[in-house]
Amino acid sequence: MSKIVSISNQKGGVGKTTTSINLAAALAAADLKVLLVDLDPQANASSGLGVYVGEGEPDIYRVLTGHTDMKQALRQTAIPSLTLLPSSSDLAALEVELVEGLPSAQRAGLLAQKLAGMRDHFDYIFIDTPPSLGLLTLNALMAADSVLIPMQAEYFAMEGLGQFMNTVELIRTEGLNPSLTIEGVLLCMVDDRTNLSREVSNEVREYFGQLVYETTIPRNVRLGESPSYGKPIILYAIESKGARAYLDLAEEFLRRQDKGA
């Protein structure tokens, strides 16, 4: 059965979608079967893989509302082992529709229910979530086995990280998803030339210890460019520092899975 990992942080602009696309792509390039679920109404993970949902076409919104089957909504990407469940702006209406139409327990567990049938078909399922702690992110955390938390090397991001950790703990202790674990903390947009970046990195490692990945994601022009071409970094600029960083991350991610087995 596959492992489901929610890539989440309540703060925006921390490298969440970039990590979702490129970690999934790097693992798929190693011939692992990977599903990337785009749970953000901005649909940046979808467009970043060159997928655009036309009006009325199957997407995650139609899957969650029961208007289409999961398998009908899945899209193949340029990497054969990487499958995408795309999003569209229609997803923004889902929170209102769920609040009006379902009991509270069912609202938060809807995605888990829909993904249950996909576990036998993939090695890993990653969920890219919105930069908030709304109903969509709660659905992702309810469906996930673990949560990977990207964060920027700045002080305000540290405050957000602490708040998000408290939310994960609350989800566990309240019985919403007792088995949810922290996959790790990933430092993104790191610039080791600046004192601030080094100081924040050191402080995060000191406080969170082994939860913090050794691999860091640097600020990299190619990483910023690749989504506009609808390609993960390993297809857009394989020789770039950004590509090397995500390949290293994939290796470290798999090593951690082996240790935890």
Protein backbone atom coordinates (compact mmCIF):
# COMPACT_ATOMS: atom_id res chain seq x y z
CA MET A 1 0.00 0.00 0.00
CA SER A 2 1.15 3.50 -0.75
CA LYS A 3 2.17 6.09 1.79
CA ILE A 4 0.20 9.33 1.68
CA VAL A 5 2.19 12.49 2.45
CA SER A 6 0.57 15.90 2.80
CA ILE A 7 2.94 18.74 1.87
CA SER A 8 1.57 21.54 3.99
CA ASN A 9 2.25 24.82 5.74
CA GLN A 10 -0.27 27.43 6.80
CA LYS A 11 2.06 30.13 5.45
CA GLY A 12 2.22 30.82 1.72
CA GLY A 13 5.31 31.35 -0.39
CA VAL A 14 7.47 28.80 1.42
CA GLY A 15 8.12 26.39 -1.47
CA LYS A 16 5.21 24.04 -0.85
CA THR A 17 4.02 23.61 -4.45
CA THR A 18 7.57 23.65 -5.83
CA THR A 19 8.40 20.83 -3.44
CA SER A 20 5.22 18.90 -4.28
CA ILE A 21 5.98 18.97 -8.00
CA ASN A 22 9.70 18.32 -7.85
CA LEU A 23 9.87 15.72 -5.08
CA ALA A 24 7.09 13.76 -6.81
CA ALA A 25 8.90 14.07 -10.16
CA ALA A 26 12.27 13.02 -8.73
CA LEU A 27 10.77 9.90 -7.12
CA ALA A 28 8.86 9.05 -10.30
CA ALA A 29 12.10 9.38 -12.28
CA ALA A 30 13.44 6.59 -10.06
CA ASP A 31 10.63 4.37 -11.40
CA LEU A 32 8.43 4.66 -8.34
CA LYS A 33 4.73 5.02 -9.04
CA VAL A 34 3.70 8.43 -7.71
CA LEU A 35 0.38 10.26 -7.58
CA LEU A 36 0.35 14.02 -6.99
CA VAL A 37 -2.97 15.38 -5.74
CA ASP A 38 -3.47 19.10 -6.36
CA LEU A 39 -5.75 20.25 -3.53
CA ASP A 40 -5.16 23.98 -4.04
CA PRO A 41 -7.79 26.01 -5.95
CA GLN A 42 -4.93 28.02 -7.49
CA ALA A 43 -4.02 24.81 -9.35
CA ASN A 44 -0.32 25.71 -9.48
CA ALA A 45 0.80 22.10 -9.11
CA SER A 46 -1.33 21.23 -12.13
CA SER A 47 -0.07 24.04 -14.36
CA GLY A 48 3.46 23.39 -13.13
CA LEU A 49 3.18 19.96 -14.72
CA GLY A 50 1.66 21.34 -17.91
CA VAL A 51 -1.93 20.30 -17.08
CA TYR A 52 -4.85 22.70 -17.43
CA VAL A 53 -8.43 21.68 -16.66
CA GLY A 54 -11.00 22.94 -19.14
CA GLU A 55 -14.55 23.86 -18.16
CA GLY A 56 -16.48 20.76 -17.17
CA GLU A 57 -13.47 18.44 -17.39
CA PRO A 58 -12.85 15.90 -14.60
CA ASP A 59 -10.75 17.24 -11.73
CA ILE A 60 -10.46 16.87 -7.97
CA TYR A 61 -13.46 19.14 -7.38
CA ARG A 62 -15.68 16.81 -9.39
CA VAL A 63 -14.20 13.78 -7.67
CA LEU A 64 -14.86 15.17 -4.18
CA THR A 65 -18.39 16.25 -5.07
CA GLY A 66 -19.16 12.84 -6.56
CA HIS A 67 -19.69 14.06 -10.12
CA THR A 68 -16.90 11.95 -11.59
CA ASP A 69 -14.92 8.82 -10.79
CA MET A 70 -11.35 9.19 -9.48
CA LYS A 71 -9.84 7.21 -12.36
CA GLN A 72 -11.53 9.46 -14.93
CA ALA A 73 -9.89 12.53 -13.43
CA LEU A 74 -6.31 11.22 -13.35
CA ARG A 75 -3.86 12.68 -15.88
CA GLN A 76 -0.57 11.26 -17.05
CA THR A 77 2.39 13.63 -17.08
CA ALA A 78 5.59 13.87 -19.10
CA ILE A 79 7.19 11.46 -16.58
CA PRO A 80 5.57 8.04 -17.17
CA SER A 81 5.49 7.03 -13.48
CA LEU A 82 4.01 10.35 -12.32
CA THR A 83 0.22 10.73 -12.33
CA LEU A 84 -1.65 13.92 -11.45
CA LEU A 85 -5.07 14.47 -9.95
CA PRO A 86 -5.51 18.05 -11.19
CA SER A 87 -7.28 21.00 -9.65
CA SER A 88 -9.10 24.07 -10.95
CA SER A 89 -10.54 27.28 -9.57
CA ASP A 90 -13.86 25.43 -9.05
CA LEU A 91 -12.31 23.89 -5.94
CA ALA A 92 -12.61 27.24 -4.17
CA ALA A 93 -16.37 26.67 -3.85
CA LEU A 94 -15.97 23.30 -2.19
CA GLU A 95 -15.57 24.48 1.39
CA VAL A 96 -18.90 26.30 1.27
CA GLU A 97 -20.63 23.37 -0.40
CA LEU A 98 -19.27 20.89 2.13
CA VAL A 99 -20.32 23.02 5.10
CA GLU A 100 -23.85 23.23 3.74
CA GLY A 101 -24.19 19.65 2.57
CA LEU A 102 -22.44 17.21 4.94
CA PRO A 103 -22.13 16.48 8.67
CA SER A 104 -18.89 17.81 10.15
CA ALA A 105 -17.18 14.41 10.51
CA GLN A 106 -17.75 13.59 6.84
CA ARG A 107 -16.51 16.99 5.62
CA ALA A 108 -12.99 16.48 6.94
CA GLY A 109 -12.74 12.83 5.87
CA LEU A 110 -13.93 13.14 2.30
CA LEU A 111 -10.50 13.08 0.64
CA ALA A 112 -9.40 10.09 2.72
CA GLN A 113 -12.43 8.20 1.51
CA LYS A 114 -11.71 9.03 -2.14
CA LEU A 115 -8.01 8.15 -1.93
CA ALA A 116 -8.55 4.82 -0.17
CA GLY A 117 -8.98 3.03 -3.49
CA MET A 118 -5.75 4.50 -4.88
CA ARG A 119 -3.37 3.10 -2.26
CA ASP A 120 -2.85 -0.19 -4.10
CA HIS A 121 -1.91 1.56 -7.35
CA PHE A 122 0.92 3.85 -6.22
CA ASP A 123 4.06 3.74 -4.10
CA TYR A 124 3.59 7.31 -2.84
CA ILE A 125 0.73 9.79 -2.91
CA PHE A 126 1.61 13.45 -2.30
CA ILE A 127 -1.00 16.13 -1.58
CA ASP A 128 -0.27 19.78 -2.37
CA THR A 129 -2.41 21.88 -0.05
CA PRO A 130 -3.53 25.54 0.10
CA PRO A 131 -1.57 28.02 2.26
CA SER A 132 -4.20 27.99 5.02
CA LEU A 133 -5.70 25.79 7.71
CA GLY A 134 -9.15 25.57 6.14
CA LEU A 135 -11.29 22.57 5.34
CA LEU A 136 -9.22 21.55 2.31
CA THR A 137 -5.97 21.35 4.31
CA LEU A 138 -7.80 19.52 7.10
CA ASN A 139 -8.98 16.97 4.51
CA ALA A 140 -5.37 16.46 3.44
CA LEU A 141 -4.16 15.99 7.02
CA MET A 142 -6.99 13.55 7.70
CA ALA A 143 -6.08 11.52 4.60
CA ALA A 144 -2.31 11.54 5.15
CA ASP A 145 -0.01 9.15 6.96
CA SER A 146 2.51 11.97 7.45
CA VAL A 147 3.06 15.65 6.74
CA LEU A 148 6.13 17.22 5.13
CA ILE A 149 6.50 20.88 6.10
CA PRO A 150 8.45 23.18 3.78
CA MET A 151 9.53 26.44 5.36
CA GLN A 152 11.50 29.48 4.34
CA ALA A 153 14.64 30.38 6.28
CA GLU A 154 13.20 33.52 7.88
CA TYR A 155 11.96 34.36 11.38
CA PHE A 156 8.28 34.84 10.56
CA ALA A 157 8.27 31.38 8.97
CA MET A 158 9.54 29.95 12.26
CA GLU A 159 6.52 31.34 14.08
CA GLY A 160 4.21 29.77 11.50
CA LEU A 161 6.02 26.45 11.82
CA GLY A 162 5.37 26.30 15.54
CA GLN A 163 1.68 27.05 15.04
CA PHE A 164 1.40 24.41 12.35
CA MET A 165 3.09 21.80 14.55
CA ASN A 166 0.48 22.57 17.22
CA THR A 167 -2.28 22.00 14.66
CA VAL A 168 -0.86 18.61 13.71
CA GLU A 169 -0.66 17.65 17.38
CA LEU A 170 -4.28 18.73 17.88
CA ILE A 171 -5.41 16.56 14.95
CA ARG A 172 -3.69 13.61 16.60
CA THR A 173 -4.87 14.16 20.15
CA GLU A 174 -8.47 14.93 19.17
CA GLY A 175 -8.66 11.59 17.38
CA LEU A 176 -9.17 13.05 13.90
CA ASN A 177 -6.06 11.21 12.63
CA PRO A 178 -4.23 9.63 15.60
CA SER A 179 -1.55 8.03 13.41
CA LEU A 180 -0.51 11.24 11.62
CA THR A 181 3.25 11.79 11.91
CA ILE A 182 5.69 14.54 10.94
CA GLU A 183 7.57 13.37 7.85
CA GLY A 184 10.04 16.19 8.30
CA VAL A 185 10.79 19.89 7.96
CA LEU A 186 12.35 21.09 4.71
CA LEU A 187 14.25 24.38 4.51
CA CYS A 188 13.50 26.08 1.18
CA MET A 189 14.76 29.18 -0.61
CA VAL A 190 17.95 28.98 1.42
CA ASP A 191 20.74 31.48 0.73
CA ASP A 192 23.78 30.48 2.77
CA ARG A 193 25.50 33.73 1.87
CA THR A 194 23.25 35.64 4.28
CA ASN A 195 23.61 35.64 8.05
CA LEU A 196 19.82 35.52 8.48
CA SER A 197 19.46 32.34 6.46
CA ARG A 198 22.28 30.62 8.35
CA GLU A 199 20.98 31.74 11.75
CA VAL A 200 17.42 30.55 11.07
CA SER A 201 18.64 27.24 9.65
CA ASN A 202 20.78 26.64 12.72
CA GLU A 203 17.97 27.55 15.10
CA VAL A 204 15.45 25.29 13.35
CA ARG A 205 17.90 22.36 13.43
CA GLU A 206 18.67 22.97 17.08
CA TYR A 207 15.00 23.04 18.03
CA PHE A 208 13.55 20.32 15.77
CA GLY A 209 16.61 18.07 15.52
CA GLN A 210 16.30 15.01 13.29
CA LEU A 211 12.95 16.17 11.92
CA VAL A 212 14.81 18.69 9.74
CA TYR A 213 16.08 17.34 6.43
CA GLU A 214 19.80 17.61 5.82
CA THR A 215 19.00 18.54 2.22
CA THR A 216 18.06 22.18 1.70
CA ILE A 217 16.51 23.80 -1.36
CA PRO A 218 18.46 26.85 -2.55
CA ARG A 219 17.18 29.99 -4.15
CA ASN A 220 17.52 29.15 -7.84
CA VAL A 221 16.42 31.02 -10.96
CA ARG A 222 15.76 27.80 -12.88
CA LEU A 223 13.39 26.59 -10.16
CA GLY A 224 11.42 29.79 -10.54
CA GLU A 225 11.29 29.48 -14.32
CA SER A 226 10.30 25.84 -14.70
CA PRO A 227 6.58 26.14 -13.76
CA SER A 228 5.99 28.62 -16.57
CA TYR A 229 7.13 25.91 -18.99
CA GLY A 230 4.90 23.28 -17.36
CA LYS A 231 7.86 21.12 -16.41
CA PRO A 232 9.42 19.85 -13.20
CA ILE A 233 12.99 21.02 -12.73
CA ILE A 234 14.51 17.67 -13.73
CA LEU A 235 12.96 18.03 -17.19
CA TYR A 236 13.55 21.76 -17.52
CA ALA A 237 17.13 22.17 -16.24
CA ILE A 238 18.61 18.91 -14.99
CA GLU A 239 22.06 20.47 -14.50
CA SER A 240 20.78 23.26 -12.25
CA LYS A 241 21.35 23.53 -8.50
CA GLY A 242 17.59 23.30 -8.00
CA ALA A 243 17.40 19.97 -9.84
CA ARG A 244 20.33 18.58 -7.88
CA ALA A 245 18.71 19.65 -4.62
CA TYR A 246 15.43 17.88 -5.34
CA LEU A 247 17.21 14.73 -6.50
CA ASP A 248 19.15 14.81 -3.22
CA LEU A 249 15.89 15.35 -1.35
CA ALA A 250 14.33 12.32 -3.04
CA GLU A 251 17.31 10.19 -2.01
CA GLU A 252 17.13 11.39 1.59
CA PHE A 253 13.36 10.89 1.62
CA LEU A 254 13.77 7.25 0.57
CA ARG A 255 16.56 6.67 3.10
CA ARG A 256 14.24 7.88 5.83
CA GLN A 257 11.53 5.48 4.64
CA ASP A 258 13.99 2.58 4.88
CA LYS A 259 15.00 3.58 8.41
CA GLY A 260 11.40 3.84 9.48
CA ALA A 261 10.41 0.47 7.98
